Amino acid sequence: MQLDYPPKMTKIKNTQNSSISPKANTIPGQLILKSGESFAGFIPADQQDIHYGEVVFNTGMVGYVEALTDPSYAGQILVFTYPLIGNYGVSEPSTWESKKIHAKGVVMSELAPFYSNHASHLEFANWLKAQHIPYIFGVDTRALTKRLRSKGVTPGAICTAAQKPKKFPEIAQTDWVQEVSVSTATTIGKGKKTIIAIDCGMKENILRCLTRYPMQVKRVPYNYDFTKEHFDGVFISNGPGDPEVCVETIELIKKAFAMKKPIFGICLGTQLMALAAGARTFKLPFGHRSQNQPCIEIASQKCFLTSQNHGYAVDEKTLGKDWRVSFRNLNDDTVAGIEHKTLPFFSVQFHPESAPGPLDTQWLFEKFYKLL
């Protein structure tokens, strides 16, 4: 049998009621960095305002829905390095990491013209529009990422090709935790044990992981004083921004330390625990935002693939003598976890709950439960 070469291309009929082309109803746009570099692309024709944020990148191949609904991205314009975004649509809100998108904008190379996934119910571009999130596509995200890796993340703006941003806001000093934390305390789950979960921008999958165990989880605002209540342990969540801004939460953690009950922190929770213990944190040049960060557990010398999303790290040299590094990032040797030498306090700089990402370290939730 002789085959035609090159093969004949068959047009695929769009059954998802998507736009005929991503470029339909678009105009030339640009992403301008505070340092002056600009990257051309296309934006929706009705997207006329200038939208600011700190420009960061995520190298994950999947998980754009989970990433955008992660409160840790508050204040940031998120660059997806994977070249095709939107091809599997948007899943039901019950699977999101919060009730809305927290990123200030989205930068893509190619925006899929239609999606195909049995669990999806909405086109990606339509979702962004419904959430009032600006976006730009057709950008050379490889060149943009290389610039961010070499010179560090920076404030930027998504705008039309004719616009020229004049004043970039000071994003780093904003208390983003205050914006994304819950406003009132709520309790979920059942069991004899009760934990306090400090919400600094908590992902929903963290709650799903915690409530797999027979315990009550009281989710409280970042500045809620729980120290006079009954509880068996404390959990400190992920969250956005500079940890040193979270003064009220740090003071609460110091009080919790004095009670010597089990404490477990994730991501921002690690940095806040370190600050409460007297250590310091510093900003990474371009952060860790991906689903394949290799980390080694010092005690066992086992390596785990982890999901990470953070721009700050603990300064190992400033850790007190009662603390030690429990995990280390194998890409850049930064601290990926700390623990107290004698008391039941521990934390990790990655996301054991994944969503998206590997499930290698979900055993840490069981470790916390057993300490109770």
Protein backbone atom coordinates (compact mmCIF):
# COMPACT_ATOMS: atom_id res chain seq x y z
CA MET A 1 0.00 0.00 0.00
CA GLN A 2 1.45 3.35 -1.05
CA LEU A 3 0.86 6.34 1.22
CA ASP A 4 0.68 9.94 0.11
CA TYR A 5 3.51 12.08 1.38
CA PRO A 6 3.22 14.59 2.76
CA PRO A 7 -0.06 13.35 4.29
CA LYS A 8 -3.24 15.26 3.52
CA MET A 9 -4.38 17.47 6.39
CA THR A 10 -7.99 17.17 7.57
CA LYS A 11 -9.64 20.18 9.17
CA ILE A 12 -11.05 19.40 12.60
CA LYS A 13 -14.51 20.75 13.22
CA ASN A 14 -14.79 22.80 16.38
CA THR A 15 -17.60 21.34 18.49
CA GLN A 16 -16.91 23.41 21.58
CA ASN A 17 -18.46 26.73 20.45
CA SER A 18 -15.07 28.39 20.78
CA SER A 19 -13.76 31.30 18.81
CA ILE A 20 -12.91 30.43 15.21
CA SER A 21 -9.40 31.79 15.79
CA PRO A 22 -7.59 33.13 18.85
CA LYS A 23 -6.69 36.20 16.77
CA ALA A 24 -10.32 37.06 16.09
CA ASN A 25 -11.31 40.34 17.76
CA THR A 26 -7.77 41.05 18.89
CA ILE A 27 -5.35 43.94 18.47
CA PRO A 28 -1.57 44.25 18.74
CA GLY A 29 -0.46 44.38 22.35
CA GLN A 30 2.70 44.24 24.39
CA LEU A 31 4.17 43.27 27.72
CA ILE A 32 6.48 46.03 28.93
CA LEU A 33 8.91 45.41 31.78
CA LYS A 34 9.86 48.15 34.22
CA SER A 35 13.44 47.79 32.99
CA GLY A 36 12.32 48.90 29.53
CA GLU A 37 12.20 45.67 27.50
CA SER A 38 8.99 44.98 25.59
CA PHE A 39 7.52 41.79 24.12
CA ALA A 40 4.92 41.98 21.35
CA GLY A 41 1.77 39.90 21.10
CA PHE A 42 -2.01 40.09 20.75
CA ILE A 43 -4.61 41.17 23.29
CA PRO A 44 -8.44 41.25 23.17
CA ALA A 45 -9.74 44.33 21.34
CA ASP A 46 -11.75 45.44 24.38
CA GLN A 47 -8.72 45.22 26.71
CA GLN A 48 -7.79 48.89 26.64
CA ASP A 49 -6.48 49.58 30.16
CA ILE A 50 -2.90 49.14 31.36
CA HIS A 51 -2.59 46.17 33.75
CA TYR A 52 0.34 45.95 36.16
CA GLY A 53 1.91 43.08 38.11
CA GLU A 54 5.17 41.38 38.97
CA VAL A 55 6.16 39.28 35.95
CA VAL A 56 7.01 35.68 36.94
CA PHE A 57 7.11 32.40 35.03
CA ASN A 58 5.85 28.85 35.60
CA THR A 59 7.43 25.95 33.72
CA GLY A 60 4.67 23.39 34.31
CA MET A 61 3.34 21.52 31.28
CA VAL A 62 -0.16 21.30 32.79
CA GLY A 63 -2.09 22.84 35.65
CA TYR A 64 -2.89 26.31 34.37
CA VAL A 65 -6.29 26.30 36.11
CA GLU A 66 -4.80 25.30 39.46
CA ALA A 67 -1.96 27.80 39.10
CA LEU A 68 -4.19 30.76 38.28
CA THR A 69 -6.59 30.02 41.14
CA ASP A 70 -3.70 29.63 43.60
CA PRO A 71 -3.81 32.71 45.89
CA SER A 72 -0.01 32.65 46.00
CA TYR A 73 -0.04 34.33 42.56
CA ALA A 74 -1.79 37.45 43.87
CA GLY A 75 -0.17 40.57 42.46
CA GLN A 76 1.70 38.74 39.69
CA ILE A 77 1.51 38.52 35.91
CA LEU A 78 2.02 34.84 35.17
CA VAL A 79 4.05 33.73 32.15
CA PHE A 80 3.41 30.14 31.05
CA THR A 81 6.55 28.73 29.45
CA TYR A 82 4.75 25.71 28.00
CA PRO A 83 4.00 26.80 24.41
CA LEU A 84 0.31 25.76 24.21
CA ILE A 85 -2.20 26.91 26.82
CA GLY A 86 -5.95 26.26 26.94
CA ASN A 87 -6.03 22.98 25.01
CA TYR A 88 -7.91 21.10 27.75
CA GLY A 89 -10.23 23.91 28.75
CA VAL A 90 -11.33 24.83 32.27
CA SER A 91 -12.72 22.36 34.79
CA GLU A 92 -15.61 22.83 37.22
CA PRO A 93 -15.12 25.39 40.03
CA SER A 94 -15.19 22.60 42.62
CA THR A 95 -11.74 21.54 41.38
CA TRP A 96 -10.16 25.00 41.56
CA GLU A 97 -7.71 26.04 44.28
CA SER A 98 -9.89 29.01 45.25
CA LYS A 99 -13.07 30.67 44.05
CA LYS A 100 -11.38 32.95 41.52
CA ILE A 101 -8.21 33.78 39.59
CA HIS A 102 -5.71 35.71 41.69
CA ALA A 103 -3.04 36.49 39.09
CA LYS A 104 -3.04 40.03 37.67
CA GLY A 105 -2.51 38.86 34.11
CA VAL A 106 -1.55 35.95 31.85
CA VAL A 107 1.17 35.73 29.19
CA MET A 108 1.18 32.89 26.63
CA SER A 109 2.95 31.82 23.48
CA GLU A 110 0.03 30.05 21.79
CA LEU A 111 -3.60 30.20 22.88
CA ALA A 112 -5.47 27.03 21.86
CA PRO A 113 -8.33 27.78 19.40
CA PHE A 114 -10.49 25.09 20.99
CA TYR A 115 -10.34 22.63 23.86
CA SER A 116 -10.94 18.93 24.28
CA ASN A 117 -11.44 17.33 27.68
CA HIS A 118 -14.37 15.40 29.16
CA ALA A 119 -14.10 17.27 32.47
CA SER A 120 -14.02 20.79 31.02
CA HIS A 121 -16.96 23.12 30.65
CA LEU A 122 -15.45 26.44 29.54
CA GLU A 123 -12.92 27.78 27.06
CA PHE A 124 -9.79 29.22 28.63
CA ALA A 125 -9.99 32.66 26.97
CA ASN A 126 -13.67 32.98 27.89
CA TRP A 127 -12.82 32.06 31.48
CA LEU A 128 -10.18 34.80 31.67
CA LYS A 129 -12.67 37.30 30.27
CA ALA A 130 -15.39 36.25 32.71
CA GLN A 131 -12.90 36.65 35.56
CA HIS A 132 -11.79 40.09 34.26
CA ILE A 133 -8.20 38.92 33.87
CA PRO A 134 -6.11 40.57 31.12
CA TYR A 135 -4.02 38.37 28.87
CA ILE A 136 -1.63 38.51 25.96
CA PHE A 137 -0.64 35.70 23.58
CA GLY A 138 1.68 35.31 20.61
CA VAL A 139 4.55 36.35 22.89
CA ASP A 140 8.06 34.94 22.57
CA THR A 141 7.85 33.39 26.04
CA ARG A 142 11.20 31.66 25.60
CA ALA A 143 13.00 34.98 25.17
CA LEU A 144 10.97 36.50 28.00
CA THR A 145 11.80 33.64 30.38
CA LYS A 146 15.50 33.82 29.52
CA ARG A 147 15.42 37.51 30.39
CA LEU A 148 13.70 36.84 33.75
CA ARG A 149 16.14 34.05 34.57
CA SER A 150 19.20 36.17 33.79
CA LYS A 151 18.11 39.49 35.33
CA GLY A 152 15.40 38.47 37.79
CA VAL A 153 11.66 38.99 38.01
CA THR A 154 10.42 42.56 37.68
CA PRO A 155 7.22 44.59 37.59
CA GLY A 156 5.60 44.78 34.18
CA ALA A 157 2.47 45.86 32.34
CA ILE A 158 0.16 44.35 29.73
CA CYS A 159 -1.15 47.04 27.39
CA THR A 160 -1.84 47.94 23.77
CA ALA A 161 1.03 48.39 21.33
CA ALA A 162 0.53 52.17 21.45
CA GLN A 163 0.44 52.61 25.22
CA LYS A 164 3.44 53.54 27.36
CA PRO A 165 3.20 52.79 31.11
CA LYS A 166 4.71 55.61 33.16
CA LYS A 167 4.63 54.51 36.79
CA PHE A 168 5.00 50.91 37.91
CA PRO A 169 3.50 50.27 41.37
CA GLU A 170 5.58 48.92 44.26
CA ILE A 171 4.24 45.38 44.27
CA ALA A 172 6.70 43.76 46.68
CA GLN A 173 5.68 45.85 49.71
CA THR A 174 1.95 45.15 49.36
CA ASP A 175 0.39 42.95 52.04
CA TRP A 176 -1.10 40.42 49.64
CA VAL A 177 -1.87 37.95 52.44
CA GLN A 178 -4.35 40.41 53.88
CA GLU A 179 -6.13 40.48 50.51
CA VAL A 180 -6.43 36.72 50.00
CA SER A 181 -6.98 35.37 53.52
CA VAL A 182 -10.49 34.42 54.69
CA SER A 183 -12.33 37.05 56.72
CA THR A 184 -14.03 34.74 59.25
CA ALA A 185 -13.23 31.43 60.95
CA THR A 186 -14.96 28.25 59.78
CA THR A 187 -14.69 24.60 60.88
CA ILE A 188 -14.85 21.52 58.67
CA GLY A 189 -14.14 17.83 59.20
CA LYS A 190 -14.88 15.51 62.11
CA GLY A 191 -12.74 13.90 64.76
CA LYS A 192 -11.47 14.09 68.31
CA LYS A 193 -8.45 16.18 67.34
CA THR A 194 -8.72 19.85 66.36
CA ILE A 195 -6.18 21.83 64.39
CA ILE A 196 -5.98 25.54 63.65
CA ALA A 197 -5.30 26.20 59.96
CA ILE A 198 -3.95 29.73 59.47
CA ASP A 199 -5.14 30.89 56.06
CA CYS A 200 -2.51 33.07 54.41
CA GLY A 201 -3.92 32.25 50.97
CA MET A 202 -4.63 28.55 51.42
CA LYS A 203 -5.15 26.27 48.43
CA GLU A 204 -8.31 24.19 48.59
CA ASN A 205 -6.44 20.95 48.00
CA ILE A 206 -4.63 21.49 51.29
CA LEU A 207 -7.99 21.37 53.05
CA ARG A 208 -8.94 18.27 51.06
CA CYS A 209 -5.73 16.57 52.22
CA LEU A 210 -6.14 17.61 55.87
CA THR A 211 -9.77 16.46 56.08
CA ARG A 212 -8.85 12.95 54.92
CA TYR A 213 -7.86 12.39 58.52
CA PRO A 214 -10.34 12.18 61.44
CA MET A 215 -9.91 15.68 62.82
CA GLN A 216 -11.63 19.04 62.88
CA VAL A 217 -9.95 21.77 60.87
CA LYS A 218 -10.65 25.32 62.00
CA ARG A 219 -9.68 27.64 59.16
CA VAL A 220 -8.88 31.09 60.53
CA PRO A 221 -7.78 34.48 59.11
CA TYR A 222 -4.10 35.38 59.04
CA ASN A 223 -4.45 37.64 62.11
CA TYR A 224 -6.87 35.52 64.18
CA ASP A 225 -5.64 34.98 67.76
CA PHE A 226 -6.36 31.31 68.45
CA THR A 227 -3.93 30.90 71.34
CA LYS A 228 -6.62 31.01 74.05
CA GLU A 229 -8.76 28.36 72.36
CA HIS A 230 -8.55 24.57 72.54
CA PHE A 231 -6.55 22.98 69.74
CA ASP A 232 -4.16 20.07 69.26
CA GLY A 233 -1.99 21.44 66.48
CA VAL A 234 -1.42 24.34 64.08
CA PHE A 235 -1.13 24.37 60.31
CA ILE A 236 0.29 27.39 58.42
CA SER A 237 -0.64 27.68 54.76
CA ASN A 238 0.95 28.92 51.58
CA GLY A 239 0.38 32.50 50.47
CA PRO A 240 1.64 35.40 48.35
CA GLY A 241 4.19 38.14 48.77
CA ASP A 242 7.07 39.02 51.05
CA PRO A 243 6.86 37.01 54.31
CA GLU A 244 8.43 39.85 56.33
CA VAL A 245 5.28 41.92 55.70
CA CYS A 246 3.17 39.38 57.66
CA VAL A 247 3.99 40.81 61.09
CA GLU A 248 0.72 39.82 62.80
CA THR A 249 0.94 36.20 61.66
CA ILE A 250 4.56 35.94 62.77
CA GLU A 251 3.61 37.12 66.27
CA LEU A 252 0.85 34.48 66.47
CA ILE A 253 3.31 31.77 65.46
CA LYS A 254 5.67 32.89 68.21
CA LYS A 255 2.84 32.41 70.73
CA ALA A 256 2.10 28.98 69.25
CA PHE A 257 5.78 27.98 69.60
CA ALA A 258 5.55 28.66 73.34
CA MET A 259 2.66 26.16 73.64
CA LYS A 260 4.88 23.37 72.18
CA LYS A 261 2.05 21.72 70.21
CA PRO A 262 2.63 20.22 66.73
CA ILE A 263 3.02 22.82 63.96
CA PHE A 264 3.18 22.13 60.21
CA GLY A 265 3.88 24.80 57.60
CA ILE A 266 3.76 24.74 53.80
CA CYS A 267 5.50 27.18 51.43
CA LEU A 268 4.94 30.67 52.93
CA GLY A 269 4.32 28.79 56.19
CA THR A 270 7.98 27.74 56.15
CA GLN A 271 9.19 31.31 55.78
CA LEU A 272 6.83 32.56 58.51
CA MET A 273 7.97 29.82 60.91
CA ALA A 274 11.60 30.70 60.22
CA LEU A 275 10.96 34.39 60.86
CA ALA A 276 9.10 33.56 64.08
CA ALA A 277 12.12 31.52 65.14
CA GLY A 278 14.44 34.48 64.61
CA ALA A 279 15.79 33.62 61.16
CA ARG A 280 15.65 35.79 58.04
CA THR A 281 14.35 35.38 54.50
CA PHE A 282 15.51 36.71 51.14
CA LYS A 283 14.05 37.13 47.68
CA LEU A 284 15.10 34.62 45.03
CA PRO A 285 16.17 36.01 41.63
CA PHE A 286 13.28 34.37 39.77
CA GLY A 287 11.67 32.01 42.28
CA HIS A 288 10.61 28.38 42.02
CA ARG A 289 7.37 27.87 40.10
CA SER A 290 7.01 24.43 38.57
CA GLN A 291 5.92 20.86 39.23
CA ASN A 292 9.25 19.05 38.96
CA GLN A 293 11.52 20.64 41.55
CA PRO A 294 13.83 17.93 42.98
CA CYS A 295 14.27 18.04 46.76
CA ILE A 296 16.28 15.74 49.01
CA GLU A 297 15.26 14.79 52.53
CA ILE A 298 18.44 15.18 54.55
CA ALA A 299 17.73 12.43 57.10
CA SER A 300 16.87 9.67 54.63
CA GLN A 301 18.81 10.95 51.61
CA LYS A 302 15.71 10.24 49.52
CA CYS A 303 14.91 12.50 46.59
CA PHE A 304 11.35 13.67 45.87
CA LEU A 305 9.83 15.55 42.96
CA THR A 306 7.86 18.48 44.28
CA SER A 307 5.45 21.18 43.18
CA GLN A 308 6.60 24.68 44.14
CA ASN A 309 5.37 28.26 43.87
CA HIS A 310 7.34 30.85 45.82
CA GLY A 311 9.63 33.80 45.34
CA TYR A 312 11.34 33.90 48.75
CA ALA A 313 13.51 31.48 50.73
CA VAL A 314 14.89 31.00 54.24
CA ASP A 315 18.44 32.21 54.88
CA GLU A 316 20.03 29.04 56.24
CA LYS A 317 22.85 30.91 57.98
CA THR A 318 20.37 32.71 60.23
CA LEU A 319 18.59 29.60 61.54
CA GLY A 320 18.96 29.17 65.30
CA LYS A 321 20.85 26.28 66.87
CA ASP A 322 17.57 24.56 67.85
CA TRP A 323 16.55 24.24 64.19
CA ARG A 324 17.90 22.27 61.24
CA VAL A 325 17.34 22.02 57.49
CA SER A 326 15.18 18.96 56.74
CA PHE A 327 14.89 19.27 52.94
CA ARG A 328 17.09 20.93 50.36
CA ASN A 329 16.34 21.99 46.78
CA LEU A 330 18.74 20.12 44.50
CA ASN A 331 18.56 22.74 41.73
CA ASP A 332 20.05 25.62 43.70
CA ASP A 333 20.76 24.17 47.18
CA THR A 334 18.26 26.48 48.89
CA VAL A 335 16.33 25.48 52.01
CA ALA A 336 13.29 23.36 51.11
CA GLY A 337 12.24 22.44 54.64
CA ILE A 338 13.06 23.09 58.29
CA GLU A 339 12.32 21.34 61.58
CA HIS A 340 12.92 21.89 65.27
CA LYS A 341 15.45 19.51 66.80
CA THR A 342 13.38 18.62 69.86
CA LEU A 343 9.85 20.05 69.48
CA PRO A 344 7.15 18.88 66.98
CA PHE A 345 7.57 21.81 64.57
CA PHE A 346 8.31 21.19 60.89
CA SER A 347 7.64 22.76 57.50
CA VAL A 348 8.38 22.36 53.80
CA GLN A 349 8.97 24.94 51.09
CA PHE A 350 7.08 22.86 48.51
CA HIS A 351 3.45 21.75 48.09
CA PRO A 352 2.84 18.16 49.26
CA GLU A 353 -0.84 18.56 48.35
CA SER A 354 0.25 19.02 44.68
CA ALA A 355 -2.66 20.30 42.52
CA PRO A 356 -0.98 20.40 40.14
CA GLY A 357 2.09 18.24 40.53
CA PRO A 358 3.45 14.95 41.86
CA LEU A 359 2.01 13.18 44.90
CA ASP A 360 5.40 12.03 46.22
CA THR A 361 5.23 13.93 49.51
CA GLN A 362 1.61 13.65 50.61
CA TRP A 363 2.87 11.43 53.45
CA LEU A 364 3.77 14.67 55.26
CA PHE A 365 0.07 15.18 56.11
CA GLU A 366 0.04 11.78 57.80
CA LYS A 367 3.21 12.73 59.68
CA PHE A 368 1.47 15.81 61.00
CA TYR A 369 -1.64 13.86 62.00
CA LYS A 370 0.42 11.28 63.91
CA LEU A 371 2.15 14.06 65.86
CA LEU A 372 -1.23 15.18 67.20
